[in-house]
Amino acid sequence: MPLNCGKLNYLEMKSKGVAYFLLALSLFGLSGLHRFYLGKVGTGILWFLTLGLVGFGTLFDLFTLGTKVDVYNSKLK
């Protein structure tokens, strides 16, 4: 029987595709979902309330998100 027994496992490898999809949802007013996905709740809330720091934070994340996913995944190994 698996150890997680039906519980969600939040400590699993993250996908760059999913992260970029969540970032793309910023175009529809759902900013910060990619940060929640990577476990960064504080900045996720900040991004959500400020629409991605008025777009500048979202633009920055567009170029750095792949590295952030790699860093998250490397911490799991």
N, C-alpha and C. Protein backbone atom coordinates (compact mmCIF):
# COMPACT_ATOMS: atom_id res chain seq x y z
N MET A 1 0.85 -1.17 0.00
CA MET A 1 0.00 0.00 0.00
C MET A 1 0.90 1.24 0.00
N PRO A 2 0.61 2.22 -0.88
CA PRO A 2 1.45 3.42 -0.94
C PRO A 2 1.35 4.22 0.36
N LEU A 3 2.43 4.93 0.65
CA LEU A 3 2.47 5.70 1.89
C LEU A 3 1.50 6.86 1.92
N ASN A 4 1.22 7.47 0.74
CA ASN A 4 0.35 8.64 0.77
C ASN A 4 -1.13 8.27 0.84
N CYS A 5 -1.52 7.04 0.55
CA CYS A 5 -2.89 6.50 0.73
C CYS A 5 -3.99 7.47 0.29
N GLY A 6 -3.89 7.99 -0.91
CA GLY A 6 -4.93 8.85 -1.44
C GLY A 6 -4.76 10.32 -1.12
N LYS A 7 -3.80 10.68 -0.31
CA LYS A 7 -3.58 12.09 -0.01
C LYS A 7 -2.81 12.72 -1.17
N LEU A 8 -3.05 13.99 -1.37
CA LEU A 8 -2.32 14.70 -2.41
C LEU A 8 -0.87 14.86 -1.99
N ASN A 9 0.03 14.62 -2.91
CA ASN A 9 1.45 14.76 -2.63
C ASN A 9 1.93 16.06 -3.24
N TYR A 10 2.12 17.08 -2.43
CA TYR A 10 2.54 18.38 -2.92
C TYR A 10 4.03 18.42 -3.21
N LEU A 11 4.77 17.45 -2.73
CA LEU A 11 6.21 17.43 -2.95
C LEU A 11 6.55 16.51 -4.10
N GLU A 12 6.06 16.83 -5.26
CA GLU A 12 6.36 16.05 -6.45
C GLU A 12 6.94 16.96 -7.52
N MET A 13 7.55 16.35 -8.51
CA MET A 13 8.17 17.12 -9.59
C MET A 13 7.13 18.00 -10.27
N LYS A 14 7.54 19.20 -10.61
CA LYS A 14 6.64 20.15 -11.28
C LYS A 14 7.00 20.22 -12.75
N SER A 15 6.01 20.50 -13.57
CA SER A 15 6.16 20.56 -15.02
C SER A 15 6.31 22.01 -15.48
N LYS A 16 7.27 22.24 -16.37
CA LYS A 16 7.43 23.58 -16.94
C LYS A 16 6.22 23.95 -17.78
N GLY A 17 5.64 22.98 -18.47
CA GLY A 17 4.46 23.25 -19.29
C GLY A 17 3.29 23.74 -18.47
N VAL A 18 3.04 23.08 -17.35
CA VAL A 18 1.94 23.51 -16.47
C VAL A 18 2.25 24.89 -15.90
N ALA A 19 3.50 25.12 -15.50
CA ALA A 19 3.88 26.41 -14.93
C ALA A 19 3.67 27.54 -15.94
N TYR A 20 4.08 27.31 -17.20
CA TYR A 20 3.88 28.35 -18.22
C TYR A 20 2.41 28.52 -18.58
N PHE A 21 1.63 27.44 -18.53
CA PHE A 21 0.19 27.56 -18.76
C PHE A 21 -0.45 28.44 -17.68
N LEU A 22 -0.07 28.21 -16.43
CA LEU A 22 -0.61 29.02 -15.33
C LEU A 22 -0.16 30.47 -15.46
N LEU A 23 1.07 30.68 -15.93
CA LEU A 23 1.55 32.05 -16.17
C LEU A 23 0.72 32.70 -17.28
N ALA A 24 0.37 31.95 -18.31
CA ALA A 24 -0.42 32.50 -19.42
C ALA A 24 -1.81 32.93 -18.95
N LEU A 25 -2.32 32.30 -17.91
CA LEU A 25 -3.63 32.70 -17.38
C LEU A 25 -3.60 34.13 -16.81
N SER A 26 -2.40 34.68 -16.62
CA SER A 26 -2.28 36.07 -16.17
C SER A 26 -2.91 37.02 -17.18
N LEU A 27 -2.94 36.62 -18.44
CA LEU A 27 -3.55 37.46 -19.47
C LEU A 27 -5.05 37.62 -19.25
N PHE A 28 -5.62 36.70 -18.47
CA PHE A 28 -7.06 36.73 -18.19
C PHE A 28 -7.36 37.16 -16.76
N GLY A 29 -6.38 37.77 -16.09
CA GLY A 29 -6.60 38.30 -14.75
C GLY A 29 -6.32 37.33 -13.62
N LEU A 30 -5.80 36.15 -13.91
CA LEU A 30 -5.50 35.16 -12.88
C LEU A 30 -4.01 35.13 -12.58
N SER A 31 -3.48 36.24 -12.20
CA SER A 31 -2.04 36.35 -11.93
C SER A 31 -1.66 35.62 -10.66
N GLY A 32 -0.47 35.06 -10.66
CA GLY A 32 0.10 34.44 -9.47
C GLY A 32 -0.12 32.95 -9.34
N LEU A 33 -0.93 32.34 -10.19
CA LEU A 33 -1.19 30.91 -10.05
C LEU A 33 0.08 30.08 -10.22
N HIS A 34 0.99 30.53 -11.10
CA HIS A 34 2.24 29.80 -11.29
C HIS A 34 3.09 29.83 -10.02
N ARG A 35 2.98 30.88 -9.23
CA ARG A 35 3.74 30.96 -7.99
C ARG A 35 3.13 30.04 -6.92
N PHE A 36 1.81 29.96 -6.85
CA PHE A 36 1.18 28.99 -5.96
C PHE A 36 1.59 27.57 -6.33
N TYR A 37 1.65 27.30 -7.63
CA TYR A 37 2.03 25.97 -8.13
C TYR A 37 3.41 25.57 -7.63
N LEU A 38 4.32 26.52 -7.53
CA LEU A 38 5.68 26.24 -7.07
C LEU A 38 5.82 26.40 -5.55
N GLY A 39 4.71 26.58 -4.85
CA GLY A 39 4.74 26.64 -3.39
C GLY A 39 5.09 28.00 -2.82
N LYS A 40 5.08 29.03 -3.63
CA LYS A 40 5.41 30.38 -3.17
C LYS A 40 4.11 31.14 -2.89
N VAL A 41 3.51 30.83 -1.76
CA VAL A 41 2.19 31.35 -1.44
C VAL A 41 2.22 32.87 -1.23
N GLY A 42 3.21 33.37 -0.53
CA GLY A 42 3.30 34.80 -0.24
C GLY A 42 3.35 35.65 -1.51
N THR A 43 4.25 35.30 -2.41
CA THR A 43 4.33 36.07 -3.66
C THR A 43 3.16 35.74 -4.58
N GLY A 44 2.57 34.57 -4.44
CA GLY A 44 1.37 34.26 -5.20
C GLY A 44 0.23 35.20 -4.85
N ILE A 45 0.07 35.44 -3.56
CA ILE A 45 -0.96 36.39 -3.10
C ILE A 45 -0.63 37.79 -3.59
N LEU A 46 0.63 38.18 -3.48
CA LEU A 46 1.05 39.51 -3.94
C LEU A 46 0.78 39.68 -5.43
N TRP A 47 1.15 38.69 -6.22
CA TRP A 47 0.93 38.74 -7.67
C TRP A 47 -0.57 38.82 -7.97
N PHE A 48 -1.37 38.04 -7.25
CA PHE A 48 -2.82 38.03 -7.48
C PHE A 48 -3.44 39.39 -7.17
N LEU A 49 -3.06 40.00 -6.06
CA LEU A 49 -3.66 41.28 -5.65
C LEU A 49 -3.18 42.47 -6.47
N THR A 50 -1.98 42.37 -7.05
CA THR A 50 -1.42 43.50 -7.80
C THR A 50 -1.37 43.24 -9.31
N LEU A 51 -2.06 42.17 -9.75
CA LEU A 51 -2.05 41.77 -11.16
C LEU A 51 -0.61 41.58 -11.67
N GLY A 52 0.13 40.80 -10.93
CA GLY A 52 1.51 40.49 -11.34
C GLY A 52 2.43 41.68 -11.24
N LEU A 53 2.28 42.42 -10.15
CA LEU A 53 3.04 43.66 -9.95
C LEU A 53 2.88 44.58 -11.17
N VAL A 54 1.64 44.78 -11.54
CA VAL A 54 1.22 45.61 -12.67
C VAL A 54 1.88 45.13 -13.97
N GLY A 55 2.07 43.83 -14.07
CA GLY A 55 2.59 43.23 -15.29
C GLY A 55 4.10 43.07 -15.33
N PHE A 56 4.83 43.88 -14.57
CA PHE A 56 6.29 43.81 -14.61
C PHE A 56 6.81 42.51 -13.98
N GLY A 57 6.19 42.08 -12.91
CA GLY A 57 6.60 40.83 -12.27
C GLY A 57 6.29 39.63 -13.15
N THR A 58 5.16 39.68 -13.83
CA THR A 58 4.79 38.61 -14.74
C THR A 58 5.74 38.55 -15.93
N LEU A 59 6.13 39.70 -16.44
CA LEU A 59 7.10 39.75 -17.54
C LEU A 59 8.44 39.16 -17.08
N PHE A 60 8.87 39.50 -15.88
CA PHE A 60 10.11 38.95 -15.33
C PHE A 60 9.99 37.43 -15.21
N ASP A 61 8.85 36.95 -14.72
CA ASP A 61 8.65 35.51 -14.55
C ASP A 61 8.63 34.78 -15.88
N LEU A 62 8.22 35.44 -16.93
CA LEU A 62 8.21 34.82 -18.25
C LEU A 62 9.60 34.32 -18.63
N PHE A 63 10.63 35.06 -18.24
CA PHE A 63 12.00 34.71 -18.58
C PHE A 63 12.69 33.85 -17.53
N THR A 64 12.18 33.82 -16.32
CA THR A 64 12.86 33.09 -15.25
C THR A 64 12.11 31.85 -14.75
N LEU A 65 10.91 31.62 -15.25
CA LEU A 65 10.08 30.55 -14.72
C LEU A 65 10.68 29.16 -14.95
N GLY A 66 11.28 28.93 -16.09
CA GLY A 66 11.90 27.63 -16.36
C GLY A 66 12.97 27.29 -15.33
N THR A 67 13.78 28.27 -14.98
CA THR A 67 14.83 28.07 -13.98
C THR A 67 14.22 27.83 -12.61
N LYS A 68 13.14 28.55 -12.29
CA LYS A 68 12.48 28.35 -11.00
C LYS A 68 11.92 26.94 -10.86
N VAL A 69 11.38 26.39 -11.93
CA VAL A 69 10.87 25.02 -11.91
C VAL A 69 12.04 24.05 -11.72
N ASP A 70 13.15 24.29 -12.43
CA ASP A 70 14.33 23.43 -12.29
C ASP A 70 14.86 23.44 -10.86
N VAL A 71 14.91 24.61 -10.24
CA VAL A 71 15.39 24.73 -8.87
C VAL A 71 14.46 24.00 -7.92
N TYR A 72 13.15 24.15 -8.10
CA TYR A 72 12.18 23.45 -7.26
C TYR A 72 12.38 21.94 -7.38
N ASN A 73 12.50 21.46 -8.60
CA ASN A 73 12.65 20.02 -8.82
C ASN A 73 13.99 19.49 -8.29
N SER A 74 15.03 20.29 -8.36
CA SER A 74 16.33 19.83 -7.86
C SER A 74 16.34 19.71 -6.33
N LYS A 75 15.52 20.48 -5.66
CA LYS A 75 15.42 20.38 -4.20
C LYS A 75 14.75 19.09 -3.76
N LEU A 76 13.98 18.48 -4.66
CA LEU A 76 13.28 17.24 -4.34
C LEU A 76 14.17 16.02 -4.46
N LYS A 77 15.26 16.16 -5.19
CA LYS A 77 16.14 15.00 -5.44
C LYS A 77 17.08 14.76 -4.30
